[in-house]
Amino acid sequence: MPELSRFYGIIIRMFTEIGGSRHQAHFHAYCQSDVAIFGIDPVERLAGSFPRRQQRLVEAWGELHQAELRADWQRLQAGQLPAPIEPLR
């Protein structure tokens, strides 16, 4: 699963949907043992659990980079590699 960004101990990844995109565009966030899936439009937690503070950081980062996340989703679904996205600073 390609890594898109890393900030404040959070890793953001996205992967290709096998057999085409049947799910809402989304990305995965990892923080220690917590894993959550976030939708891109709108940026919101769809599944999993995440510490509240880190969830707010991921949501803020996602809002700032929503267009880049959409573009990476399209790239992956077309069989291309995603572009890295600037971390939250």
PDB file of N, CA and C in Angstrom:
ATOM      1  N   MET A   1       0.856  -1.163   0.000  1.00  0.00           N
ATOM      2  CA  MET A   1       0.000   0.000   0.000  1.00  0.00           C
ATOM      3  C   MET A   1       0.905   1.229   0.000  1.00  0.00           C
ATOM      4  N   PRO A   2       0.857   2.047  -1.052  1.00  0.00           N
ATOM      5  CA  PRO A   2       1.737   3.217  -1.136  1.00  0.00           C
ATOM      6  C   PRO A   2       1.504   4.229  -0.009  1.00  0.00           C
ATOM      7  N   GLU A   3       2.598   4.749   0.499  1.00  0.00           N
ATOM      8  CA  GLU A   3       2.537   5.787   1.526  1.00  0.00           C
ATOM      9  C   GLU A   3       2.467   7.143   0.840  1.00  0.00           C
ATOM     10  N   LEU A   4       1.491   7.961   1.227  1.00  0.00           N
ATOM     11  CA  LEU A   4       1.320   9.285   0.648  1.00  0.00           C
ATOM     12  C   LEU A   4       1.974  10.371   1.482  1.00  0.00           C
ATOM     13  N   SER A   5       1.906  10.210   2.801  1.00  0.00           N
ATOM     14  CA  SER A   5       2.422  11.249   3.683  1.00  0.00           C
ATOM     15  C   SER A   5       2.664  10.667   5.072  1.00  0.00           C
ATOM     16  N   ARG A   6       3.449  11.412   5.859  1.00  0.00           N
ATOM     17  CA  ARG A   6       3.746  11.014   7.236  1.00  0.00           C
ATOM     18  C   ARG A   6       3.940  12.287   8.047  1.00  0.00           C
ATOM     19  N   PHE A   7       3.215  12.404   9.157  1.00  0.00           N
ATOM     20  CA  PHE A   7       3.342  13.584  10.017  1.00  0.00           C
ATOM     21  C   PHE A   7       2.877  13.254  11.427  1.00  0.00           C
ATOM     22  N   TYR A   8       3.561  13.807  12.402  1.00  0.00           N
ATOM     23  CA  TYR A   8       3.206  13.653  13.820  1.00  0.00           C
ATOM     24  C   TYR A   8       2.922  12.205  14.225  1.00  0.00           C
ATOM     25  N   GLY A   9       3.697  11.267  13.701  1.00  0.00           N
ATOM     26  CA  GLY A   9       3.517   9.860  14.033  1.00  0.00           C
ATOM     27  C   GLY A   9       2.365   9.190  13.310  1.00  0.00           C
ATOM     28  N   ILE A  10       1.771   9.881  12.339  1.00  0.00           N
ATOM     29  CA  ILE A  10       0.639   9.352  11.569  1.00  0.00           C
ATOM     30  C   ILE A  10       1.141   9.029  10.162  1.00  0.00           C
ATOM     31  N   ILE A  11       0.765   7.870   9.664  1.00  0.00           N
ATOM     32  CA  ILE A  11       1.121   7.472   8.301  1.00  0.00           C
ATOM     33  C   ILE A  11      -0.165   7.415   7.479  1.00  0.00           C
ATOM     34  N   ILE A  12      -0.129   8.030   6.297  1.00  0.00           N
ATOM     35  CA  ILE A  12      -1.279   8.043   5.399  1.00  0.00           C
ATOM     36  C   ILE A  12      -0.949   7.169   4.191  1.00  0.00           C
ATOM     37  N   ARG A  13      -1.837   6.226   3.893  1.00  0.00           N
ATOM     38  CA  ARG A  13      -1.650   5.325   2.755  1.00  0.00           C
ATOM     39  C   ARG A  13      -2.937   5.224   1.940  1.00  0.00           C
ATOM     40  N   MET A  14      -2.770   4.807   0.683  1.00  0.00           N
ATOM     41  CA  MET A  14      -3.911   4.611  -0.201  1.00  0.00           C
ATOM     42  C   MET A  14      -3.568   3.434  -1.110  1.00  0.00           C
ATOM     43  N   PHE A  15      -4.565   2.665  -1.491  1.00  0.00           N
ATOM     44  CA  PHE A  15      -4.282   1.540  -2.364  1.00  0.00           C
ATOM     45  C   PHE A  15      -5.308   1.422  -3.483  1.00  0.00           C
ATOM     46  N   THR A  16      -4.973   0.618  -4.474  1.00  0.00           N
ATOM     47  CA  THR A  16      -5.828   0.381  -5.629  1.00  0.00           C
ATOM     48  C   THR A  16      -6.959  -0.561  -5.250  1.00  0.00           C
ATOM     49  N   GLU A  17      -8.137  -0.271  -5.700  1.00  0.00           N
ATOM     50  CA  GLU A  17      -9.275  -1.160  -5.515  1.00  0.00           C
ATOM     51  C   GLU A  17      -9.177  -2.264  -6.561  1.00  0.00           C
ATOM     52  N   ILE A  18      -9.114  -3.498  -6.145  1.00  0.00           N
ATOM     53  CA  ILE A  18      -9.034  -4.617  -7.072  1.00  0.00           C
ATOM     54  C   ILE A  18     -10.360  -4.747  -7.809  1.00  0.00           C
ATOM     55  N   GLY A  19     -10.268  -4.824  -9.126  1.00  0.00           N
ATOM     56  CA  GLY A  19     -11.486  -4.967  -9.928  1.00  0.00           C
ATOM     57  C   GLY A  19     -12.198  -3.647 -10.156  1.00  0.00           C
ATOM     58  N   GLY A  20     -11.516  -2.545  -9.937  1.00  0.00           N
ATOM     59  CA  GLY A  20     -12.137  -1.240 -10.150  1.00  0.00           C
ATOM     60  C   GLY A  20     -12.659  -0.643  -8.865  1.00  0.00           C
ATOM     61  N   SER A  21     -12.980   0.612  -8.927  1.00  0.00           N
ATOM     62  CA  SER A  21     -13.407   1.352  -7.747  1.00  0.00           C
ATOM     63  C   SER A  21     -14.886   1.153  -7.459  1.00  0.00           C
ATOM     64  N   ARG A  22     -15.187   0.349  -6.458  1.00  0.00           N
ATOM     65  CA  ARG A  22     -16.576   0.140  -6.042  1.00  0.00           C
ATOM     66  C   ARG A  22     -16.873   0.875  -4.740  1.00  0.00           C
ATOM     67  N   HIS A  23     -15.838   1.378  -4.111  1.00  0.00           N
ATOM     68  CA  HIS A  23     -15.994   2.071  -2.840  1.00  0.00           C
ATOM     69  C   HIS A  23     -15.824   3.574  -3.022  1.00  0.00           C
ATOM     70  N   GLN A  24     -16.296   4.284  -2.038  1.00  0.00           N
ATOM     71  CA  GLN A  24     -16.059   5.721  -1.985  1.00  0.00           C
ATOM     72  C   GLN A  24     -14.548   5.955  -1.942  1.00  0.00           C
ATOM     73  N   ALA A  25     -14.083   7.009  -2.614  1.00  0.00           N
ATOM     74  CA  ALA A  25     -12.654   7.346  -2.575  1.00  0.00           C
ATOM     75  C   ALA A  25     -12.253   7.557  -1.114  1.00  0.00           C
ATOM     76  N   HIS A  26     -11.143   6.917  -0.714  1.00  0.00           N
ATOM     77  CA  HIS A  26     -10.748   6.970   0.689  1.00  0.00           C
ATOM     78  C   HIS A  26      -9.253   6.741   0.836  1.00  0.00           C
ATOM     79  N   PHE A  27      -8.767   6.987   2.056  1.00  0.00           N
ATOM     80  CA  PHE A  27      -7.379   6.705   2.396  1.00  0.00           C
ATOM     81  C   PHE A  27      -7.346   6.094   3.789  1.00  0.00           C
ATOM     82  N   HIS A  28      -6.221   5.488   4.117  1.00  0.00           N
ATOM     83  CA  HIS A  28      -6.049   4.819   5.403  1.00  0.00           C
ATOM     84  C   HIS A  28      -5.054   5.613   6.237  1.00  0.00           C
ATOM     85  N   ALA A  29      -5.337   5.757   7.516  1.00  0.00           N
ATOM     86  CA  ALA A  29      -4.433   6.446   8.442  1.00  0.00           C
ATOM     87  C   ALA A  29      -4.038   5.472   9.547  1.00  0.00           C
ATOM     88  N   TYR A  30      -2.759   5.494   9.892  1.00  0.00           N
ATOM     89  CA  TYR A  30      -2.199   4.601  10.908  1.00  0.00           C
ATOM     90  C   TYR A  30      -1.495   5.434  11.967  1.00  0.00           C
ATOM     91  N   CYS A  31      -1.734   5.107  13.217  1.00  0.00           N
ATOM     92  CA  CYS A  31      -1.056   5.767  14.332  1.00  0.00           C
ATOM     93  C   CYS A  31      -0.871   4.707  15.416  1.00  0.00           C
ATOM     94  N   GLN A  32       0.361   4.245  15.562  1.00  0.00           N
ATOM     95  CA  GLN A  32       0.676   3.147  16.469  1.00  0.00           C
ATOM     96  C   GLN A  32      -0.208   1.947  16.143  1.00  0.00           C
ATOM     97  N   SER A  33      -1.052   1.510  17.056  1.00  0.00           N
ATOM     98  CA  SER A  33      -1.886   0.338  16.783  1.00  0.00           C
ATOM     99  C   SER A  33      -3.279   0.702  16.259  1.00  0.00           C
ATOM    100  N   ASP A  34      -3.547   1.997  16.088  1.00  0.00           N
ATOM    101  CA  ASP A  34      -4.857   2.436  15.599  1.00  0.00           C
ATOM    102  C   ASP A  34      -4.843   2.579  14.085  1.00  0.00           C
ATOM    103  N   VAL A  35      -5.939   2.155  13.465  1.00  0.00           N
ATOM    104  CA  VAL A  35      -6.100   2.264  12.017  1.00  0.00           C
ATOM    105  C   VAL A  35      -7.505   2.776  11.738  1.00  0.00           C
ATOM    106  N   ALA A  36      -7.608   3.734  10.815  1.00  0.00           N
ATOM    107  CA  ALA A  36      -8.918   4.243  10.433  1.00  0.00           C
ATOM    108  C   ALA A  36      -8.929   4.514   8.935  1.00  0.00           C
ATOM    109  N   ILE A  37     -10.109   4.449   8.362  1.00  0.00           N
ATOM    110  CA  ILE A  37     -10.314   4.767   6.952  1.00  0.00           C
ATOM    111  C   ILE A  37     -11.084   6.084   6.902  1.00  0.00           C
ATOM    112  N   PHE A  38     -10.583   7.002   6.071  1.00  0.00           N
ATOM    113  CA  PHE A  38     -11.193   8.325   5.926  1.00  0.00           C
ATOM    114  C   PHE A  38     -11.658   8.523   4.494  1.00  0.00           C
ATOM    115  N   GLY A  39     -12.878   9.002   4.327  1.00  0.00           N
ATOM    116  CA  GLY A  39     -13.375   9.373   3.008  1.00  0.00           C
ATOM    117  C   GLY A  39     -12.686  10.655   2.555  1.00  0.00           C
ATOM    118  N   ILE A  40     -12.634  10.849   1.246  1.00  0.00           N
ATOM    119  CA  ILE A  40     -11.992  12.041   0.691  1.00  0.00           C
ATOM    120  C   ILE A  40     -12.992  13.164   0.469  1.00  0.00           C
ATOM    121  N   ASP A  41     -14.209  12.828   0.072  1.00  0.00           N
ATOM    122  CA  ASP A  41     -15.196  13.871  -0.227  1.00  0.00           C
ATOM    123  C   ASP A  41     -16.551  13.456   0.318  1.00  0.00           C
ATOM    124  N   PRO A  42     -16.869  13.844   1.523  1.00  0.00           N
ATOM    125  CA  PRO A  42     -16.150  14.733   2.432  1.00  0.00           C
ATOM    126  C   PRO A  42     -15.066  13.983   3.210  1.00  0.00           C
ATOM    127  N   VAL A  43     -14.159  14.755   3.782  1.00  0.00           N
ATOM    128  CA  VAL A  43     -13.108  14.161   4.612  1.00  0.00           C
ATOM    129  C   VAL A  43     -13.746  13.836   5.960  1.00  0.00           C
ATOM    130  N   GLU A  44     -13.929  12.537   6.207  1.00  0.00           N
ATOM    131  CA  GLU A  44     -14.530  12.084   7.457  1.00  0.00           C
ATOM    132  C   GLU A  44     -14.128  10.631   7.701  1.00  0.00           C
ATOM    133  N   ARG A  45     -14.098  10.254   8.970  1.00  0.00           N
ATOM    134  CA  ARG A  45     -13.760   8.872   9.316  1.00  0.00           C
ATOM    135  C   ARG A  45     -14.916   7.969   8.933  1.00  0.00           C
ATOM    136  N   LEU A  46     -14.610   6.937   8.147  1.00  0.00           N
ATOM    137  CA  LEU A  46     -15.628   5.988   7.697  1.00  0.00           C
ATOM    138  C   LEU A  46     -15.628   4.714   8.528  1.00  0.00           C
ATOM    139  N   ALA A  47     -14.450   4.310   8.992  1.00  0.00           N
ATOM    140  CA  ALA A  47     -14.338   3.051   9.740  1.00  0.00           C
ATOM    141  C   ALA A  47     -13.080   3.080  10.589  1.00  0.00           C
ATOM    142  N   GLY A  48     -13.021   2.182  11.530  1.00  0.00           N
ATOM    143  CA  GLY A  48     -11.853   2.068  12.390  1.00  0.00           C
ATOM    144  C   GLY A  48     -11.918   3.008  13.575  1.00  0.00           C
ATOM    145  N   SER A  49     -10.826   3.027  14.314  1.00  0.00           N
ATOM    146  CA  SER A  49     -10.756   3.907  15.480  1.00  0.00           C
ATOM    147  C   SER A  49      -9.449   4.680  15.423  1.00  0.00           C
ATOM    148  N   PHE A  50      -9.493   5.877  15.966  1.00  0.00           N
ATOM    149  CA  PHE A  50      -8.324   6.751  15.950  1.00  0.00           C
ATOM    150  C   PHE A  50      -8.422   7.668  17.157  1.00  0.00           C
ATOM    151  N   PRO A  51      -7.295   7.979  17.793  1.00  0.00           N
ATOM    152  CA  PRO A  51      -7.340   8.925  18.905  1.00  0.00           C
ATOM    153  C   PRO A  51      -7.907  10.272  18.424  1.00  0.00           C
ATOM    154  N   ARG A  52      -8.673  10.898  19.261  1.00  0.00           N
ATOM    155  CA  ARG A  52      -9.383  12.123  18.879  1.00  0.00           C
ATOM    156  C   ARG A  52      -8.460  13.219  18.334  1.00  0.00           C
ATOM    157  N   ARG A  53      -7.374  13.485  19.016  1.00  0.00           N
ATOM    158  CA  ARG A  53      -6.451  14.540  18.571  1.00  0.00           C
ATOM    159  C   ARG A  53      -5.870  14.214  17.200  1.00  0.00           C
ATOM    160  N   GLN A  54      -5.435  12.980  17.005  1.00  0.00           N
ATOM    161  CA  GLN A  54      -4.859  12.568  15.732  1.00  0.00           C
ATOM    162  C   GLN A  54      -5.915  12.560  14.629  1.00  0.00           C
ATOM    163  N   GLN A  55      -7.146  12.210  14.973  1.00  0.00           N
ATOM    164  CA  GLN A  55      -8.217  12.253  13.978  1.00  0.00           C
ATOM    165  C   GLN A  55      -8.415  13.681  13.473  1.00  0.00           C
ATOM    166  N   ARG A  56      -8.395  14.644  14.381  1.00  0.00           N
ATOM    167  CA  ARG A  56      -8.544  16.049  13.964  1.00  0.00           C
ATOM    168  C   ARG A  56      -7.397  16.473  13.062  1.00  0.00           C
ATOM    169  N   LEU A  57      -6.167  16.004  13.362  1.00  0.00           N
ATOM    170  CA  LEU A  57      -5.020  16.323  12.507  1.00  0.00           C
ATOM    171  C   LEU A  57      -5.192  15.726  11.111  1.00  0.00           C
ATOM    172  N   VAL A  58      -5.640  14.477  11.053  1.00  0.00           N
ATOM    173  CA  VAL A  58      -5.851  13.826   9.759  1.00  0.00           C
ATOM    174  C   VAL A  58      -6.946  14.545   8.973  1.00  0.00           C
ATOM    175  N   GLU A  59      -8.023  14.906   9.632  1.00  0.00           N
ATOM    176  CA  GLU A  59      -9.112  15.617   8.950  1.00  0.00           C
ATOM    177  C   GLU A  59      -8.652  16.977   8.429  1.00  0.00           C
ATOM    178  N   ALA A  60      -7.875  17.706   9.224  1.00  0.00           N
ATOM    179  CA  ALA A  60      -7.353  19.007   8.780  1.00  0.00           C
ATOM    180  C   ALA A  60      -6.421  18.823   7.589  1.00  0.00           C
ATOM    181  N   TRP A  61      -5.527  17.837   7.670  1.00  0.00           N
ATOM    182  CA  TRP A  61      -4.610  17.551   6.559  1.00  0.00           C
ATOM    183  C   TRP A  61      -5.402  17.178   5.308  1.00  0.00           C
ATOM    184  N   GLY A  62      -6.410  16.324   5.471  1.00  0.00           N
ATOM    185  CA  GLY A  62      -7.237  15.900   4.338  1.00  0.00           C
ATOM    186  C   GLY A  62      -7.962  17.051   3.677  1.00  0.00           C
ATOM    187  N   GLU A  63      -8.473  17.980   4.472  1.00  0.00           N
ATOM    188  CA  GLU A  63      -9.152  19.160   3.910  1.00  0.00           C
ATOM    189  C   GLU A  63      -8.172  20.022   3.112  1.00  0.00           C
ATOM    190  N   LEU A  64      -6.965  20.189   3.647  1.00  0.00           N
ATOM    191  CA  LEU A  64      -5.951  20.991   2.952  1.00  0.00           C
ATOM    192  C   LEU A  64      -5.504  20.358   1.632  1.00  0.00           C
ATOM    193  N   HIS A  65      -5.539  19.036   1.559  1.00  0.00           N
ATOM    194  CA  HIS A  65      -4.998  18.320   0.404  1.00  0.00           C
ATOM    195  C   HIS A  65      -6.063  17.494  -0.327  1.00  0.00           C
ATOM    196  N   GLN A  66      -7.303  17.920  -0.230  1.00  0.00           N
ATOM    197  CA  GLN A  66      -8.402  17.156  -0.810  1.00  0.00           C
ATOM    198  C   GLN A  66      -8.239  16.950  -2.322  1.00  0.00           C
ATOM    199  N   ALA A  67      -7.851  17.975  -3.045  1.00  0.00           N
ATOM    200  CA  ALA A  67      -7.678  17.847  -4.502  1.00  0.00           C
ATOM    201  C   ALA A  67      -6.556  16.862  -4.832  1.00  0.00           C
ATOM    202  N   GLU A  68      -5.474  16.900  -4.068  1.00  0.00           N
ATOM    203  CA  GLU A  68      -4.364  15.974  -4.296  1.00  0.00           C
ATOM    204  C   GLU A  68      -4.769  14.540  -3.961  1.00  0.00           C
ATOM    205  N   LEU A  69      -5.568  14.370  -2.914  1.00  0.00           N
ATOM    206  CA  LEU A  69      -6.056  13.037  -2.561  1.00  0.00           C
ATOM    207  C   LEU A  69      -6.948  12.486  -3.669  1.00  0.00           C
ATOM    208  N   ARG A  70      -7.841  13.318  -4.217  1.00  0.00           N
ATOM    209  CA  ARG A  70      -8.691  12.878  -5.333  1.00  0.00           C
ATOM    210  C   ARG A  70      -7.837  12.465  -6.529  1.00  0.00           C
ATOM    211  N   ALA A  71      -6.824  13.276  -6.837  1.00  0.00           N
ATOM    212  CA  ALA A  71      -5.941  12.979  -7.971  1.00  0.00           C
ATOM    213  C   ALA A  71      -5.189  11.663  -7.739  1.00  0.00           C
ATOM    214  N   ASP A  72      -4.696  11.439  -6.522  1.00  0.00           N
ATOM    215  CA  ASP A  72      -3.995  10.192  -6.221  1.00  0.00           C
ATOM    216  C   ASP A  72      -4.944   8.996  -6.321  1.00  0.00           C
ATOM    217  N   TRP A  73      -6.178   9.160  -5.879  1.00  0.00           N
ATOM    218  CA  TRP A  73      -7.164   8.079  -5.995  1.00  0.00           C
ATOM    219  C   TRP A  73      -7.336   7.713  -7.473  1.00  0.00           C
ATOM    220  N   GLN A  74      -7.479   8.722  -8.328  1.00  0.00           N
ATOM    221  CA  GLN A  74      -7.645   8.468  -9.764  1.00  0.00           C
ATOM    222  C   GLN A  74      -6.404   7.795 -10.353  1.00  0.00           C
ATOM    223  N   ARG A  75      -5.228   8.255  -9.962  1.00  0.00           N
ATOM    224  CA  ARG A  75      -3.989   7.639 -10.445  1.00  0.00           C
ATOM    225  C   ARG A  75      -3.946   6.152 -10.079  1.00  0.00           C
ATOM    226  N   LEU A  76      -4.205   5.845  -8.834  1.00  0.00           N
ATOM    227  CA  LEU A  76      -4.154   4.452  -8.384  1.00  0.00           C
ATOM    228  C   LEU A  76      -5.176   3.584  -9.109  1.00  0.00           C
ATOM    229  N   GLN A  77      -6.377   4.088  -9.307  1.00  0.00           N
ATOM    230  CA  GLN A  77      -7.404   3.306  -9.982  1.00  0.00           C
ATOM    231  C   GLN A  77      -7.049   3.092 -11.451  1.00  0.00           C
ATOM    232  N   ALA A  78      -6.203   3.976 -12.017  1.00  0.00           N
ATOM    233  CA  ALA A  78      -5.747   3.846 -13.406  1.00  0.00           C
ATOM    234  C   ALA A  78      -4.471   3.014 -13.498  1.00  0.00           C
ATOM    235  N   GLY A  79      -4.013   2.462 -12.375  1.00  0.00           N
ATOM    236  CA  GLY A  79      -2.828   1.621 -12.367  1.00  0.00           C
ATOM    237  C   GLY A  79      -1.516   2.385 -12.293  1.00  0.00           C
ATOM    238  N   GLN A  80      -1.576   3.661 -11.929  1.00  0.00           N
ATOM    239  CA  GLN A  80      -0.381   4.482 -11.807  1.00  0.00           C
ATOM    240  C   GLN A  80      -0.012   4.646 -10.339  1.00  0.00           C
ATOM    241  N   LEU A  81       1.223   5.082 -10.115  1.00  0.00           N
ATOM    242  CA  LEU A  81       1.665   5.356  -8.743  1.00  0.00           C
ATOM    243  C   LEU A  81       1.131   6.707  -8.279  1.00  0.00           C
ATOM    244  N   PRO A  82       0.788   6.815  -6.997  1.00  0.00           N
ATOM    245  CA  PRO A  82       0.323   8.100  -6.469  1.00  0.00           C
ATOM    246  C   PRO A  82       1.499   9.051  -6.258  1.00  0.00           C
ATOM    247  N   ALA A  83       1.185  10.328  -6.216  1.00  0.00           N
ATOM    248  CA  ALA A  83       2.198  11.347  -5.915  1.00  0.00           C
ATOM    249  C   ALA A  83       2.239  11.567  -4.409  1.00  0.00           C
ATOM    250  N   PRO A  84       3.421  11.790  -3.847  1.00  0.00           N
ATOM    251  CA  PRO A  84       3.482  12.098  -2.413  1.00  0.00           C
ATOM    252  C   PRO A  84       2.754  13.413  -2.123  1.00  0.00           C
ATOM    253  N   ILE A  85       2.255  13.542  -0.906  1.00  0.00           N
ATOM    254  CA  ILE A  85       1.538  14.748  -0.483  1.00  0.00           C
ATOM    255  C   ILE A  85       2.268  15.332   0.717  1.00  0.00           C
ATOM    256  N   GLU A  86       2.428  16.641   0.717  1.00  0.00           N
ATOM    257  CA  GLU A  86       3.131  17.340   1.807  1.00  0.00           C
ATOM    258  C   GLU A  86       2.513  16.989   3.157  1.00  0.00           C
ATOM    259  N   PRO A  87       3.342  16.776   4.150  1.00  0.00           N
ATOM    260  CA  PRO A  87       2.819  16.502   5.498  1.00  0.00           C
ATOM    261  C   PRO A  87       2.258  17.768   6.145  1.00  0.00           C
ATOM    262  N   LEU A  88       1.508  17.571   7.193  1.00  0.00           N
ATOM    263  CA  LEU A  88       1.005  18.665   8.006  1.00  0.00           C
ATOM    264  C   LEU A  88       2.167  19.191   8.829  1.00  0.00           C
ATOM    265  N   ARG A  89       2.339  20.483   8.873  1.00  0.00           N
ATOM    266  CA  ARG A  89       3.452  21.075   9.617  1.00  0.00           C
ATOM    267  C   ARG A  89       2.948  22.003  10.687  1.00  0.00           C
TER     268      ARG A  89
END
